[in-house]
Amino acid sequence: MSCDPLSPVVTRRAALGSALAAGAVMASGNATRCEVVAEPEPDPRRGSPKRYDVKKSINLWAFPYPDRMSLKECLQLAKSAGFDGIELNYDLDNDLSPKAGPKELKAIRKMADDIGIAISGLCSFLFWPYPLTSNDLSKRQRGMELACKMVEAAGEMGVENLLVVPGAVHIPWRTDHEPVPNDVCDRRAREAVGKMLAQAEDAHVSLNIENIFFNGYLMTPTEMNAFVDGFRSKNVGIHFDTGNIMMFQFPEHWIAMMGKRIRNIHFKEFTKKGTDYSLESFRTLLDGTTNWPAVMDALEKVGYRGYVTFEYFHPFAHYPEALIYQTSDALNRILGKKA
């Protein structure tokens, strides 16, 4: 072998590299002479053959929080499972509560930003023990106080959507609620949302009124539209829940009538085959009777481009992250995002 540094020295590695490069060029040349293989037709058994331009979200109630997972773990799990956003719940305790001041609220938002997941909205179960239309004045006042704190929290965190339950004629799962006459419920609900409106406008928060069949109020899309339109404000919209009307009605019919008023959505599965009208009648996605193709077509027709949020109240007792991944997969199939 020559010791001249300018002498060409062919090593085994160099020879092998040259051969691979030549093979790649030949393969490339052959590819240009071959016909392009057509993509296989979408299989409707796997998922929607049509892709919908909406964002995936999940409610924090689907996680074993706070007993077995921290808020940070929940946010990270949602991100890892492929969700674009997560809906957080305002409570009397825990991370997001009256105990949290501006510093703590901004820290929650920063945590979500660092993980790379959006906060799609705020939600709360506190509208039930403290209804805005209760016959008990002290409960109404406490409800208003908490609702205003929710607006404040959403504003501090830069969250646009706040779910609002404006009132209830009846609350079947509570024994401490006295039925409220329909006209009284309507008057009190309008007064309560009206009192929240100025604060919401200043905080750039949308008060999204949720439909709930079980509470006996705003039972049709016509009633819902009239309630929302009565405020004549872009800061009052609709938070539509697909499952909350499924007992006797169909979500695709409501969507067509509510149209652009819809600001946020809960995808809650329900089965009409059962007779249990409690929270137990709600199922995991696709294990019910919801016509998801019709729901998605209706949303596309009204131009909805926001979040669709899975809401569920029963974290899995064993291997709870399975529910999160299962839900992400089901949403991919519903939204036509399954590869």
Protein backbone atom coordinates (compact mmCIF):
# COMPACT_ATOMS: atom_id res chain seq x y z
CA MET A 1 0.00 0.00 0.00
CA SER A 2 1.35 3.45 -0.94
CA CYS A 3 2.23 5.91 1.83
CA ASP A 4 1.61 8.87 -0.51
CA PRO A 5 -1.26 10.92 1.01
CA LEU A 6 -2.41 11.84 -2.47
CA SER A 7 -2.53 8.25 -3.63
CA PRO A 8 -6.10 6.87 -4.00
CA VAL A 9 -6.70 4.31 -1.27
CA VAL A 10 -9.84 2.22 -1.62
CA THR A 11 -11.03 0.79 1.68
CA ARG A 12 -13.74 -1.84 2.14
CA ARG A 13 -16.02 0.77 3.77
CA ALA A 14 -15.54 3.22 0.90
CA ALA A 15 -16.23 0.53 -1.70
CA LEU A 16 -19.40 -0.54 0.11
CA GLY A 17 -20.58 3.06 0.34
CA SER A 18 -20.06 3.57 -3.38
CA ALA A 19 -22.04 0.45 -4.17
CA LEU A 20 -24.94 1.55 -1.99
CA ALA A 21 -24.95 5.00 -3.56
CA ALA A 22 -24.99 3.51 -7.04
CA GLY A 23 -27.85 1.21 -6.08
CA ALA A 24 -29.84 4.15 -4.77
CA VAL A 25 -29.38 6.04 -8.04
CA MET A 26 -30.52 3.02 -10.04
CA ALA A 27 -33.54 2.53 -7.79
CA SER A 28 -34.42 6.17 -8.19
CA GLY A 29 -34.16 5.89 -11.94
CA ASN A 30 -36.36 2.84 -12.02
CA ALA A 31 -38.96 4.55 -9.81
CA THR A 32 -39.41 7.31 -12.36
CA ARG A 33 -40.35 4.72 -14.96
CA CYS A 34 -42.90 2.97 -12.74
CA GLU A 35 -46.54 3.90 -12.43
CA VAL A 36 -47.59 5.74 -9.27
CA VAL A 37 -49.44 3.37 -6.97
CA ALA A 38 -52.82 4.84 -6.03
CA GLU A 39 -53.69 5.35 -2.37
CA PRO A 40 -56.12 2.73 -1.09
CA GLU A 41 -59.72 3.84 -0.68
CA PRO A 42 -60.63 4.87 2.90
CA ASP A 43 -62.21 2.02 4.81
CA PRO A 44 -65.35 3.23 6.68
CA ARG A 45 -65.00 0.30 9.06
CA ARG A 46 -61.83 1.89 10.47
CA GLY A 47 -63.01 5.46 10.80
CA SER A 48 -64.64 8.37 9.01
CA PRO A 49 -63.49 8.49 5.37
CA LYS A 50 -63.84 12.26 5.63
CA ARG A 51 -61.44 14.39 7.68
CA TYR A 52 -62.91 17.18 9.82
CA ASP A 53 -61.04 20.33 10.78
CA VAL A 54 -61.68 20.48 14.53
CA LYS A 55 -59.45 20.11 17.60
CA LYS A 56 -59.36 17.21 20.06
CA SER A 57 -59.84 17.90 23.76
CA ILE A 58 -60.59 15.93 26.92
CA ASN A 59 -62.10 16.93 30.26
CA LEU A 60 -60.05 16.50 33.43
CA TRP A 61 -62.81 14.34 34.94
CA ALA A 62 -61.61 11.43 32.80
CA PHE A 63 -58.35 11.36 34.80
CA PRO A 64 -57.90 10.04 38.37
CA TYR A 65 -57.18 13.58 39.57
CA PRO A 66 -56.20 14.51 42.22
CA ASP A 67 -56.15 11.17 44.06
CA ARG A 68 -53.75 9.28 41.79
CA MET A 69 -52.41 11.85 39.33
CA SER A 70 -51.16 15.40 39.70
CA LEU A 71 -52.41 18.13 37.37
CA LYS A 72 -49.05 18.14 35.60
CA GLU A 73 -49.25 14.38 35.03
CA CYS A 74 -52.74 14.77 33.58
CA LEU A 75 -51.64 17.53 31.21
CA GLN A 76 -48.64 15.50 30.07
CA LEU A 77 -50.72 12.36 29.56
CA ALA A 78 -53.27 14.26 27.47
CA LYS A 79 -50.47 15.67 25.34
CA SER A 80 -48.79 12.27 24.96
CA ALA A 81 -52.10 10.69 23.91
CA GLY A 82 -52.46 13.19 21.07
CA PHE A 83 -54.96 15.74 22.42
CA ASP A 84 -54.76 19.36 21.31
CA GLY A 85 -56.37 20.66 24.49
CA ILE A 86 -57.72 19.81 27.92
CA GLU A 87 -60.76 21.22 29.71
CA LEU A 88 -60.10 22.03 33.37
CA ASN A 89 -62.63 21.94 36.19
CA TYR A 90 -63.11 24.63 38.83
CA ASP A 91 -63.70 23.21 42.30
CA LEU A 92 -63.73 24.29 45.93
CA ASP A 93 -60.33 22.69 46.44
CA ASN A 94 -57.38 21.46 44.36
CA ASP A 95 -55.27 23.46 41.91
CA LEU A 96 -58.06 25.41 40.24
CA SER A 97 -60.28 26.78 43.00
CA PRO A 98 -60.99 29.96 45.01
CA LYS A 99 -57.74 29.23 46.83
CA ALA A 100 -55.78 29.94 43.64
CA GLY A 101 -54.78 33.56 43.11
CA PRO A 102 -53.40 35.22 39.97
CA LYS A 103 -49.92 33.80 40.60
CA GLU A 104 -51.16 30.22 40.88
CA LEU A 105 -53.51 30.58 37.90
CA LYS A 106 -50.77 31.93 35.67
CA ALA A 107 -48.53 29.07 36.81
CA ILE A 108 -51.15 26.56 35.62
CA ARG A 109 -51.28 28.25 32.23
CA LYS A 110 -47.49 28.27 32.00
CA MET A 111 -47.39 24.57 32.89
CA ALA A 112 -49.78 23.81 30.05
CA ASP A 113 -47.80 25.99 27.63
CA ASP A 114 -44.53 24.32 28.59
CA ILE A 115 -46.07 20.89 27.99
CA GLY A 116 -47.55 22.11 24.72
CA ILE A 117 -51.26 21.60 25.35
CA ALA A 118 -54.02 24.21 25.20
CA ILE A 119 -56.65 24.79 27.89
CA SER A 120 -59.79 24.43 25.81
CA GLY A 121 -62.15 25.76 28.47
CA LEU A 122 -63.21 25.85 32.11
CA CYS A 123 -66.06 23.78 33.51
CA SER A 124 -67.48 23.24 37.02
CA PHE A 125 -69.82 20.98 38.94
CA LEU A 126 -70.42 23.80 41.44
CA PHE A 127 -73.45 25.03 39.49
CA TRP A 128 -75.38 22.09 41.01
CA PRO A 129 -74.90 22.57 44.77
CA TYR A 130 -75.13 26.33 44.23
CA PRO A 131 -77.63 26.87 41.38
CA LEU A 132 -77.92 30.42 40.02
CA THR A 133 -81.72 30.03 40.14
CA SER A 134 -82.15 28.32 43.52
CA ASN A 135 -85.09 29.23 45.76
CA ASP A 136 -82.51 29.48 48.54
CA LEU A 137 -81.12 33.03 48.41
CA SER A 138 -77.88 32.04 50.14
CA LYS A 139 -77.23 29.36 47.50
CA ARG A 140 -77.95 31.80 44.68
CA GLN A 141 -75.55 34.32 46.16
CA ARG A 142 -72.83 31.70 46.68
CA GLY A 143 -73.41 30.48 43.12
CA MET A 144 -72.94 34.01 41.75
CA GLU A 145 -69.81 34.49 43.83
CA LEU A 146 -68.29 31.27 42.49
CA ALA A 147 -69.37 31.98 38.91
CA CYS A 148 -67.64 35.37 39.03
CA LYS A 149 -64.49 33.71 40.39
CA MET A 150 -64.61 31.33 37.42
CA VAL A 151 -64.73 34.29 35.03
CA GLU A 152 -61.80 35.84 36.87
CA ALA A 153 -59.83 32.58 36.71
CA ALA A 154 -60.48 32.16 32.99
CA GLY A 155 -59.35 35.73 32.37
CA GLU A 156 -56.15 35.31 34.39
CA MET A 157 -55.31 32.13 32.49
CA GLY A 158 -56.17 33.54 29.08
CA VAL A 159 -58.88 30.91 28.58
CA GLU A 160 -61.65 32.00 26.24
CA ASN A 161 -64.40 29.50 27.08
CA LEU A 162 -66.31 29.18 30.35
CA LEU A 163 -69.17 26.68 30.58
CA VAL A 164 -72.17 28.14 32.42
CA VAL A 165 -75.21 26.27 33.74
CA PRO A 166 -77.66 29.19 33.98
CA GLY A 167 -80.32 27.50 36.09
CA ALA A 168 -82.40 24.46 36.93
CA VAL A 169 -86.09 23.71 37.40
CA HIS A 170 -85.16 20.32 38.86
CA ILE A 171 -81.94 18.53 39.83
CA PRO A 172 -82.78 14.81 40.03
CA TRP A 173 -79.48 13.73 41.59
CA ARG A 174 -79.75 16.16 44.52
CA THR A 175 -82.18 15.79 47.41
CA ASP A 176 -81.61 19.32 48.70
CA HIS A 177 -82.97 21.14 45.64
CA GLU A 178 -86.50 22.55 45.78
CA PRO A 179 -88.16 22.66 42.33
CA VAL A 180 -88.23 26.13 40.78
CA PRO A 181 -91.20 27.24 38.62
CA ASN A 182 -90.23 27.57 34.96
CA ASP A 183 -90.93 31.29 34.67
CA VAL A 184 -89.04 32.04 37.89
CA CYS A 185 -86.11 29.90 36.74
CA ASP A 186 -85.99 31.77 33.43
CA ARG A 187 -86.08 35.20 35.09
CA ARG A 188 -83.38 34.35 37.60
CA ALA A 189 -81.16 32.75 34.96
CA ARG A 190 -81.30 35.82 32.73
CA GLU A 191 -80.53 38.07 35.69
CA ALA A 192 -77.57 35.94 36.77
CA VAL A 193 -75.92 35.78 33.34
CA GLY A 194 -76.61 39.50 32.87
CA LYS A 195 -74.70 40.27 36.07
CA MET A 196 -71.71 38.23 34.86
CA LEU A 197 -71.60 39.77 31.41
CA ALA A 198 -69.65 43.01 32.03
CA GLN A 199 -66.91 41.12 33.87
CA ALA A 200 -66.76 38.51 31.09
CA GLU A 201 -66.45 41.17 28.40
CA ASP A 202 -63.60 42.87 30.28
CA ALA A 203 -61.83 39.52 30.73
CA HIS A 204 -62.41 38.48 27.08
CA VAL A 205 -64.25 35.38 28.27
CA SER A 206 -67.22 33.80 26.51
CA LEU A 207 -70.06 32.66 28.79
CA ASN A 208 -71.14 29.46 27.04
CA ILE A 209 -74.57 28.21 28.10
CA GLU A 210 -74.80 24.44 28.36
CA ASN A 211 -77.85 22.39 27.40
CA ILE A 212 -78.83 19.88 30.10
CA PHE A 213 -82.01 17.85 29.62
CA PHE A 214 -82.07 16.64 33.22
CA ASN A 215 -82.53 20.11 34.72
CA GLY A 216 -85.81 20.88 32.95
CA TYR A 217 -84.61 24.20 31.52
CA LEU A 218 -83.80 25.28 27.94
CA MET A 219 -85.16 22.02 26.61
CA THR A 220 -85.14 22.85 22.89
CA PRO A 221 -82.72 24.57 20.50
CA THR A 222 -85.31 27.30 19.96
CA GLU A 223 -85.34 28.10 23.69
CA MET A 224 -81.55 27.98 23.84
CA ASN A 225 -81.19 30.36 20.89
CA ALA A 226 -83.67 32.82 22.38
CA PHE A 227 -81.85 32.81 25.71
CA VAL A 228 -78.43 33.44 24.15
CA ASP A 229 -79.64 35.98 21.59
CA GLY A 230 -81.41 37.96 24.32
CA PHE A 231 -78.08 39.26 25.65
CA ARG A 232 -76.98 40.65 22.27
CA SER A 233 -73.34 40.09 23.16
CA LYS A 234 -70.55 38.19 21.43
CA ASN A 235 -69.51 37.09 24.92
CA VAL A 236 -72.55 34.85 25.35
CA GLY A 237 -72.64 31.65 23.32
CA ILE A 238 -73.53 27.98 23.58
CA HIS A 239 -71.60 25.07 25.02
CA PHE A 240 -73.30 22.18 23.28
CA ASP A 241 -73.28 18.73 24.89
CA THR A 242 -74.19 15.90 22.53
CA GLY A 243 -75.12 13.46 25.29
CA ASN A 244 -77.28 15.76 27.40
CA ILE A 245 -80.20 15.63 24.98
CA MET A 246 -79.87 12.07 23.77
CA MET A 247 -82.59 10.68 26.02
CA PHE A 248 -85.36 11.91 23.71
CA GLN A 249 -83.66 14.03 21.02
CA PHE A 250 -80.73 14.01 18.61
CA PRO A 251 -77.63 16.25 18.64
CA GLU A 252 -77.40 16.62 14.86
CA HIS A 253 -80.83 18.33 14.89
CA TRP A 254 -79.76 20.85 17.54
CA ILE A 255 -76.50 21.70 15.77
CA ALA A 256 -78.27 22.65 12.56
CA MET A 257 -80.53 25.07 14.45
CA MET A 258 -77.95 26.62 16.81
CA GLY A 259 -75.34 27.18 14.12
CA LYS A 260 -72.67 29.81 14.78
CA ARG A 261 -73.80 30.29 18.38
CA ILE A 262 -71.88 27.12 19.30
CA ARG A 263 -68.54 28.10 20.86
CA ASN A 264 -67.50 24.84 22.51
CA ILE A 265 -68.68 21.23 22.56
CA HIS A 266 -68.77 18.20 24.83
CA PHE A 267 -68.70 14.87 23.03
CA LYS A 268 -70.53 12.74 25.55
CA GLU A 269 -71.65 9.27 24.51
CA PHE A 270 -75.12 8.07 25.51
CA THR A 271 -77.12 4.92 24.87
CA LYS A 272 -80.84 4.98 24.18
CA LYS A 273 -80.97 1.22 24.80
CA GLY A 274 -80.91 1.56 28.58
CA THR A 275 -83.45 2.83 31.08
CA ASP A 276 -81.03 4.35 33.57
CA TYR A 277 -81.28 8.12 33.29
CA SER A 278 -78.45 8.92 35.71
CA LEU A 279 -74.83 9.74 35.00
CA GLU A 280 -74.33 5.99 34.53
CA SER A 281 -76.15 6.21 31.18
CA PHE A 282 -73.14 7.99 29.67
CA ARG A 283 -70.58 5.73 28.00
CA THR A 284 -67.11 5.80 26.55
CA LEU A 285 -67.04 7.08 22.96
CA LEU A 286 -68.52 4.76 20.31
CA ASP A 287 -70.16 2.53 22.96
CA GLY A 288 -73.56 4.17 22.54
CA THR A 289 -76.22 5.16 20.05
CA THR A 290 -74.92 8.58 18.94
CA ASN A 291 -74.85 8.97 15.15
CA TRP A 292 -71.35 10.44 15.01
CA PRO A 293 -71.15 10.74 11.19
CA ALA A 294 -74.37 12.81 11.25
CA VAL A 295 -73.05 14.91 14.15
CA MET A 296 -69.80 15.68 12.30
CA ASP A 297 -71.58 16.51 9.04
CA ALA A 298 -73.87 18.90 10.94
CA LEU A 299 -70.88 20.60 12.61
CA GLU A 300 -69.15 21.01 9.27
CA LYS A 301 -72.25 22.56 7.71
CA VAL A 302 -72.41 25.26 10.40
CA GLY A 303 -68.67 25.92 10.06
CA TYR A 304 -67.60 24.77 13.51
CA ARG A 305 -63.79 24.75 13.89
CA GLY A 306 -63.31 24.71 17.67
CA TYR A 307 -62.66 22.00 20.23
CA VAL A 308 -64.59 18.77 20.65
CA THR A 309 -64.09 17.67 24.25
CA PHE A 310 -64.69 14.19 25.63
CA GLU A 311 -66.50 14.46 28.97
CA TYR A 312 -66.69 11.45 31.25
CA PHE A 313 -66.98 11.07 35.00
CA HIS A 314 -65.52 7.62 35.61
CA PRO A 315 -61.73 7.29 35.41
CA PHE A 316 -60.73 3.67 34.97
CA ALA A 317 -60.04 2.04 38.34
CA HIS A 318 -57.22 0.02 36.83
CA TYR A 319 -54.69 1.37 34.32
CA PRO A 320 -56.47 4.75 34.03
CA GLU A 321 -54.32 5.97 31.15
CA ALA A 322 -56.02 3.33 28.98
CA LEU A 323 -59.19 5.49 28.92
CA ILE A 324 -57.21 8.49 27.70
CA TYR A 325 -55.58 6.61 24.81
CA GLN A 326 -58.81 4.79 23.99
CA THR A 327 -60.63 8.12 23.77
CA SER A 328 -57.95 9.67 21.60
CA ASP A 329 -58.22 6.73 19.20
CA ALA A 330 -62.03 6.95 19.11
CA LEU A 331 -61.88 10.69 18.37
CA ASN A 332 -59.37 10.07 15.57
CA ARG A 333 -61.85 7.68 13.99
CA ILE A 334 -64.81 10.05 14.43
CA LEU A 335 -62.84 13.01 13.03
CA GLY A 336 -61.30 11.10 10.12
CA LYS A 337 -57.77 11.39 11.54
CA LYS A 338 -57.07 7.68 11.70
CA ALA A 339 -54.18 6.89 9.37
